[in-house]
Each structure stands twice: as structure tokens, then as C-alpha cells.
Amino acid sequence: MLSLKVSGMTCGGCINAVTRAIQTQDPAAIVQVDLATQIVTLQTSLSADEAGQLIADAGFPVSN
């Protein structure tokens, strides 16, 4: 399980965008987004770097 700090998420549309970004590369991934803490928790076969890059490419900055 991965946890990533993701900035800029404010609504359901953001949750959908982040989920789609991950599931395009890993359709079986389970994505949980907490808007209050800005934490995305993933159960995925992707590495943290791969997942972070996909989320960043969707327009949401990822920090450590």
C-alpha cells in the first residue's frame, strides 16, 4: 500500500481525475482519496514513483 501527499484536490472531480490517472495503468488499483488531509492511499502494482508521476501528469502536484 502506498500513501502519497497530493496538493490541489478540492472536490469529487479531483478524486475522479486522480483515480482515472492511476487506473489507466493499473485497472485493478484501489484508490482512496482524503480531501481533508490531501492524502491518496493506493493498493496498486505501480511503484510510488510511477503513481506519483501519473498523478502529477493529471495536474496534481505530489510531494514527499
PDB file of N, CA and C in Angstrom:
ATOM      1  N   MET A   1       0.846  -1.178   0.000  1.00  0.00           N
ATOM      2  CA  MET A   1       0.000   0.000   0.000  1.00  0.00           C
ATOM      3  C   MET A   1       0.894   1.244   0.000  1.00  0.00           C
ATOM      4  N   LEU A   2       0.527   2.203  -0.813  1.00  0.00           N
ATOM      5  CA  LEU A   2       1.261   3.459  -0.923  1.00  0.00           C
ATOM      6  C   LEU A   2       0.417   4.601  -0.392  1.00  0.00           C
ATOM      7  N   SER A   3       1.055   5.579   0.225  1.00  0.00           N
ATOM      8  CA  SER A   3       0.388   6.822   0.612  1.00  0.00           C
ATOM      9  C   SER A   3       1.184   7.978   0.034  1.00  0.00           C
ATOM     10  N   LEU A   4       0.501   8.848  -0.684  1.00  0.00           N
ATOM     11  CA  LEU A   4       1.149   9.992  -1.320  1.00  0.00           C
ATOM     12  C   LEU A   4       0.464  11.282  -0.894  1.00  0.00           C
ATOM     13  N   LYS A   5       1.241  12.309  -0.623  1.00  0.00           N
ATOM     14  CA  LYS A   5       0.710  13.640  -0.316  1.00  0.00           C
ATOM     15  C   LYS A   5       0.502  14.346  -1.647  1.00  0.00           C
ATOM     16  N   VAL A   6      -0.752  14.703  -1.925  1.00  0.00           N
ATOM     17  CA  VAL A   6      -1.117  15.282  -3.216  1.00  0.00           C
ATOM     18  C   VAL A   6      -1.805  16.620  -2.980  1.00  0.00           C
ATOM     19  N   SER A   7      -1.306  17.671  -3.600  1.00  0.00           N
ATOM     20  CA  SER A   7      -1.853  19.017  -3.419  1.00  0.00           C
ATOM     21  C   SER A   7      -2.899  19.328  -4.476  1.00  0.00           C
ATOM     22  N   GLY A   8      -3.796  20.258  -4.138  1.00  0.00           N
ATOM     23  CA  GLY A   8      -4.708  20.816  -5.120  1.00  0.00           C
ATOM     24  C   GLY A   8      -6.029  20.096  -5.295  1.00  0.00           C
ATOM     25  N   MET A   9      -6.265  19.028  -4.541  1.00  0.00           N
ATOM     26  CA  MET A   9      -7.523  18.305  -4.679  1.00  0.00           C
ATOM     27  C   MET A   9      -8.582  18.986  -3.816  1.00  0.00           C
ATOM     28  N   THR A  10      -9.738  19.312  -4.421  1.00  0.00           N
ATOM     29  CA  THR A  10     -10.764  20.042  -3.683  1.00  0.00           C
ATOM     30  C   THR A  10     -12.165  19.457  -3.805  1.00  0.00           C
ATOM     31  N   CYS A  11     -12.375  18.501  -4.719  1.00  0.00           N
ATOM     32  CA  CYS A  11     -13.755  18.061  -4.966  1.00  0.00           C
ATOM     33  C   CYS A  11     -13.794  16.646  -5.526  1.00  0.00           C
ATOM     34  N   GLY A  12     -14.994  16.188  -5.768  1.00  0.00           N
ATOM     35  CA  GLY A  12     -15.189  14.868  -6.349  1.00  0.00           C
ATOM     36  C   GLY A  12     -14.563  14.715  -7.724  1.00  0.00           C
ATOM     37  N   GLY A  13     -14.563  15.793  -8.483  1.00  0.00           N
ATOM     38  CA  GLY A  13     -13.925  15.750  -9.798  1.00  0.00           C
ATOM     39  C   GLY A  13     -12.435  15.474  -9.690  1.00  0.00           C
ATOM     40  N   CYS A  14     -11.816  16.041  -8.669  1.00  0.00           N
ATOM     41  CA  CYS A  14     -10.385  15.801  -8.427  1.00  0.00           C
ATOM     42  C   CYS A  14     -10.151  14.336  -8.062  1.00  0.00           C
ATOM     43  N   ILE A  15     -11.025  13.803  -7.221  1.00  0.00           N
ATOM     44  CA  ILE A  15     -10.919  12.392  -6.840  1.00  0.00           C
ATOM     45  C   ILE A  15     -11.024  11.516  -8.084  1.00  0.00           C
ATOM     46  N   ASN A  16     -11.988  11.808  -8.948  1.00  0.00           N
ATOM     47  CA  ASN A  16     -12.158  11.030 -10.176  1.00  0.00           C
ATOM     48  C   ASN A  16     -10.947  11.133 -11.090  1.00  0.00           C
ATOM     49  N   ALA A  17     -10.368  12.324 -11.194  1.00  0.00           N
ATOM     50  CA  ALA A  17      -9.200  12.513 -12.061  1.00  0.00           C
ATOM     51  C   ALA A  17      -8.004  11.719 -11.553  1.00  0.00           C
ATOM     52  N   VAL A  18      -7.778  11.747 -10.245  1.00  0.00           N
ATOM     53  CA  VAL A  18      -6.660  11.002  -9.657  1.00  0.00           C
ATOM     54  C   VAL A  18      -6.897   9.500  -9.827  1.00  0.00           C
ATOM     55  N   THR A  19      -8.111   9.067  -9.575  1.00  0.00           N
ATOM     56  CA  THR A  19      -8.430   7.638  -9.713  1.00  0.00           C
ATOM     57  C   THR A  19      -8.236   7.180 -11.151  1.00  0.00           C
ATOM     58  N   ARG A  20      -8.744   7.946 -12.102  1.00  0.00           N
ATOM     59  CA  ARG A  20      -8.576   7.593 -13.528  1.00  0.00           C
ATOM     60  C   ARG A  20      -7.104   7.548 -13.916  1.00  0.00           C
ATOM     61  N   ALA A  21      -6.324   8.503 -13.419  1.00  0.00           N
ATOM     62  CA  ALA A  21      -4.898   8.551 -13.762  1.00  0.00           C
ATOM     63  C   ALA A  21      -4.196   7.257 -13.349  1.00  0.00           C
ATOM     64  N   ILE A  22      -4.522   6.753 -12.172  1.00  0.00           N
ATOM     65  CA  ILE A  22      -3.900   5.515 -11.698  1.00  0.00           C
ATOM     66  C   ILE A  22      -4.467   4.307 -12.435  1.00  0.00           C
ATOM     67  N   GLN A  23      -5.777   4.261 -12.565  1.00  0.00           N
ATOM     68  CA  GLN A  23      -6.406   3.073 -13.138  1.00  0.00           C
ATOM     69  C   GLN A  23      -6.197   2.930 -14.639  1.00  0.00           C
ATOM     70  N   THR A  24      -5.697   3.962 -15.326  1.00  0.00           N
ATOM     71  CA  THR A  24      -5.346   3.784 -16.736  1.00  0.00           C
ATOM     72  C   THR A  24      -4.149   2.848 -16.872  1.00  0.00           C
ATOM     73  N   GLN A  25      -3.261   2.857 -15.881  1.00  0.00           N
ATOM     74  CA  GLN A  25      -2.075   1.993 -15.914  1.00  0.00           C
ATOM     75  C   GLN A  25      -2.256   0.717 -15.095  1.00  0.00           C
ATOM     76  N   ASP A  26      -3.113   0.745 -14.080  1.00  0.00           N
ATOM     77  CA  ASP A  26      -3.382  -0.420 -13.244  1.00  0.00           C
ATOM     78  C   ASP A  26      -4.885  -0.473 -12.969  1.00  0.00           C
ATOM     79  N   PRO A  27      -5.643  -1.094 -13.880  1.00  0.00           N
ATOM     80  CA  PRO A  27      -7.104  -1.115 -13.745  1.00  0.00           C
ATOM     81  C   PRO A  27      -7.598  -1.752 -12.447  1.00  0.00           C
ATOM     82  N   ALA A  28      -6.804  -2.595 -11.825  1.00  0.00           N
ATOM     83  CA  ALA A  28      -7.213  -3.265 -10.589  1.00  0.00           C
ATOM     84  C   ALA A  28      -6.875  -2.447  -9.340  1.00  0.00           C
ATOM     85  N   ALA A  29      -6.259  -1.300  -9.513  1.00  0.00           N
ATOM     86  CA  ALA A  29      -5.835  -0.489  -8.371  1.00  0.00           C
ATOM     87  C   ALA A  29      -7.032  -0.024  -7.550  1.00  0.00           C
ATOM     88  N   ILE A  30      -6.829   0.025  -6.243  1.00  0.00           N
ATOM     89  CA  ILE A  30      -7.810   0.594  -5.324  1.00  0.00           C
ATOM     90  C   ILE A  30      -7.251   1.942  -4.879  1.00  0.00           C
ATOM     91  N   VAL A  31      -8.009   2.998  -5.132  1.00  0.00           N
ATOM     92  CA  VAL A  31      -7.565   4.370  -4.858  1.00  0.00           C
ATOM     93  C   VAL A  31      -8.501   4.988  -3.828  1.00  0.00           C
ATOM     94  N   GLN A  32      -7.925   5.483  -2.736  1.00  0.00           N
ATOM     95  CA  GLN A  32      -8.701   6.186  -1.720  1.00  0.00           C
ATOM     96  C   GLN A  32      -8.111   7.582  -1.567  1.00  0.00           C
ATOM     97  N   VAL A  33      -8.964   8.594  -1.622  1.00  0.00           N
ATOM     98  CA  VAL A  33      -8.529   9.986  -1.540  1.00  0.00           C
ATOM     99  C   VAL A  33      -9.180  10.638  -0.327  1.00  0.00           C
ATOM    100  N   ASP A  34      -8.359  11.260   0.509  1.00  0.00           N
ATOM    101  CA  ASP A  34      -8.860  12.026   1.652  1.00  0.00           C
ATOM    102  C   ASP A  34      -8.615  13.500   1.344  1.00  0.00           C
ATOM    103  N   LEU A  35      -9.672  14.212   0.980  1.00  0.00           N
ATOM    104  CA  LEU A  35      -9.529  15.622   0.611  1.00  0.00           C
ATOM    105  C   LEU A  35      -9.057  16.471   1.788  1.00  0.00           C
ATOM    106  N   ALA A  36      -9.482  16.148   2.991  1.00  0.00           N
ATOM    107  CA  ALA A  36      -9.120  16.948   4.164  1.00  0.00           C
ATOM    108  C   ALA A  36      -7.618  16.920   4.441  1.00  0.00           C
ATOM    109  N   THR A  37      -7.009  15.749   4.294  1.00  0.00           N
ATOM    110  CA  THR A  37      -5.572  15.624   4.576  1.00  0.00           C
ATOM    111  C   THR A  37      -4.720  15.700   3.312  1.00  0.00           C
ATOM    112  N   GLN A  38      -5.384  15.658   2.141  1.00  0.00           N
ATOM    113  CA  GLN A  38      -4.683  15.656   0.855  1.00  0.00           C
ATOM    114  C   GLN A  38      -3.786  14.425   0.687  1.00  0.00           C
ATOM    115  N   ILE A  39      -4.245  13.280   1.244  1.00  0.00           N
ATOM    116  CA  ILE A  39      -3.505  12.023   1.147  1.00  0.00           C
ATOM    117  C   ILE A  39      -4.244  11.079   0.204  1.00  0.00           C
ATOM    118  N   VAL A  40      -3.489  10.497  -0.735  1.00  0.00           N
ATOM    119  CA  VAL A  40      -4.014   9.465  -1.627  1.00  0.00           C
ATOM    120  C   VAL A  40      -3.377   8.144  -1.201  1.00  0.00           C
ATOM    121  N   THR A  41      -4.212   7.169  -0.888  1.00  0.00           N
ATOM    122  CA  THR A  41      -3.746   5.845  -0.498  1.00  0.00           C
ATOM    123  C   THR A  41      -4.075   4.887  -1.635  1.00  0.00           C
ATOM    124  N   LEU A  42      -3.069   4.108  -2.021  1.00  0.00           N
ATOM    125  CA  LEU A  42      -3.208   3.235  -3.189  1.00  0.00           C
ATOM    126  C   LEU A  42      -2.862   1.800  -2.860  1.00  0.00           C
ATOM    127  N   GLN A  43      -3.640   0.879  -3.373  1.00  0.00           N
ATOM    128  CA  GLN A  43      -3.264  -0.524  -3.445  1.00  0.00           C
ATOM    129  C   GLN A  43      -3.080  -0.785  -4.932  1.00  0.00           C
ATOM    130  N   THR A  44      -1.823  -0.883  -5.348  1.00  0.00           N
ATOM    131  CA  THR A  44      -1.506  -0.941  -6.771  1.00  0.00           C
ATOM    132  C   THR A  44      -0.216  -1.703  -7.007  1.00  0.00           C
ATOM    133  N   SER A  45      -0.050  -2.166  -8.225  1.00  0.00           N
ATOM    134  CA  SER A  45       1.202  -2.809  -8.618  1.00  0.00           C
ATOM    135  C   SER A  45       2.240  -1.774  -9.074  1.00  0.00           C
ATOM    136  N   LEU A  46       1.830  -0.517  -9.181  1.00  0.00           N
ATOM    137  CA  LEU A  46       2.739   0.552  -9.592  1.00  0.00           C
ATOM    138  C   LEU A  46       3.694   0.916  -8.460  1.00  0.00           C
ATOM    139  N   SER A  47       4.869   1.409  -8.819  1.00  0.00           N
ATOM    140  CA  SER A  47       5.784   1.926  -7.809  1.00  0.00           C
ATOM    141  C   SER A  47       5.311   3.310  -7.362  1.00  0.00           C
ATOM    142  N   ALA A  48       5.843   3.771  -6.255  1.00  0.00           N
ATOM    143  CA  ALA A  48       5.491   5.111  -5.764  1.00  0.00           C
ATOM    144  C   ALA A  48       5.854   6.166  -6.801  1.00  0.00           C
ATOM    145  N   ASP A  49       6.996   6.010  -7.449  1.00  0.00           N
ATOM    146  CA  ASP A  49       7.417   6.976  -8.470  1.00  0.00           C
ATOM    147  C   ASP A  49       6.475   6.972  -9.664  1.00  0.00           C
ATOM    148  N   GLU A  50       6.081   5.777 -10.107  1.00  0.00           N
ATOM    149  CA  GLU A  50       5.160   5.680 -11.243  1.00  0.00           C
ATOM    150  C   GLU A  50       3.812   6.310 -10.899  1.00  0.00           C
ATOM    151  N   ALA A  51       3.276   5.967  -9.734  1.00  0.00           N
ATOM    152  CA  ALA A  51       1.982   6.508  -9.324  1.00  0.00           C
ATOM    153  C   ALA A  51       2.054   8.022  -9.165  1.00  0.00           C
ATOM    154  N   GLY A  52       3.122   8.492  -8.542  1.00  0.00           N
ATOM    155  CA  GLY A  52       3.301   9.930  -8.357  1.00  0.00           C
ATOM    156  C   GLY A  52       3.366  10.672  -9.674  1.00  0.00           C
ATOM    157  N   GLN A  53       4.044  10.098 -10.643  1.00  0.00           N
ATOM    158  CA  GLN A  53       4.162  10.744 -11.955  1.00  0.00           C
ATOM    159  C   GLN A  53       2.818  10.787 -12.667  1.00  0.00           C
ATOM    160  N   LEU A  54       2.050   9.723 -12.573  1.00  0.00           N
ATOM    161  CA  LEU A  54       0.726   9.698 -13.205  1.00  0.00           C
ATOM    162  C   LEU A  54      -0.190  10.759 -12.589  1.00  0.00           C
ATOM    163  N   ILE A  55      -0.145  10.887 -11.263  1.00  0.00           N
ATOM    164  CA  ILE A  55      -0.970  11.889 -10.580  1.00  0.00           C
ATOM    165  C   ILE A  55      -0.497  13.295 -10.946  1.00  0.00           C
ATOM    166  N   ALA A  56       0.806  13.502 -10.976  1.00  0.00           N
ATOM    167  CA  ALA A  56       1.351  14.813 -11.364  1.00  0.00           C
ATOM    168  C   ALA A  56       0.968  15.150 -12.797  1.00  0.00           C
ATOM    169  N   ASP A  57       1.020  14.167 -13.688  1.00  0.00           N
ATOM    170  CA  ASP A  57       0.640  14.384 -15.083  1.00  0.00           C
ATOM    171  C   ASP A  57      -0.838  14.764 -15.201  1.00  0.00           C
ATOM    172  N   ALA A  58      -1.653  14.329 -14.229  1.00  0.00           N
ATOM    173  CA  ALA A  58      -3.082  14.682 -14.219  1.00  0.00           C
ATOM    174  C   ALA A  58      -3.312  16.081 -13.651  1.00  0.00           C
ATOM    175  N   GLY A  59      -2.235  16.737 -13.210  1.00  0.00           N
ATOM    176  CA  GLY A  59      -2.344  18.132 -12.765  1.00  0.00           C
ATOM    177  C   GLY A  59      -2.334  18.349 -11.264  1.00  0.00           C
ATOM    178  N   PHE A  60      -1.952  17.315 -10.503  1.00  0.00           N
ATOM    179  CA  PHE A  60      -1.938  17.434  -9.050  1.00  0.00           C
ATOM    180  C   PHE A  60      -0.532  17.176  -8.528  1.00  0.00           C
ATOM    181  N   PRO A  61       0.121  18.211  -7.989  1.00  0.00           N
ATOM    182  CA  PRO A  61       1.491  18.056  -7.504  1.00  0.00           C
ATOM    183  C   PRO A  61       1.584  17.049  -6.351  1.00  0.00           C
ATOM    184  N   VAL A  62       2.595  16.187  -6.412  1.00  0.00           N
ATOM    185  CA  VAL A  62       2.842  15.168  -5.396  1.00  0.00           C
ATOM    186  C   VAL A  62       4.101  15.561  -4.652  1.00  0.00           C
ATOM    187  N   SER A  63       4.045  15.514  -3.323  1.00  0.00           N
ATOM    188  CA  SER A  63       5.223  15.829  -2.506  1.00  0.00           C
ATOM    189  C   SER A  63       5.499  14.681  -1.552  1.00  0.00           C
ATOM    190  N   ASN A  64       6.689  14.693  -1.000  1.00  0.00           N
ATOM    191  CA  ASN A  64       7.078  13.632  -0.051  1.00  0.00           C
ATOM    192  C   ASN A  64       6.631  13.950   1.344  1.00  0.00           C
TER     193      ASN A  64
END
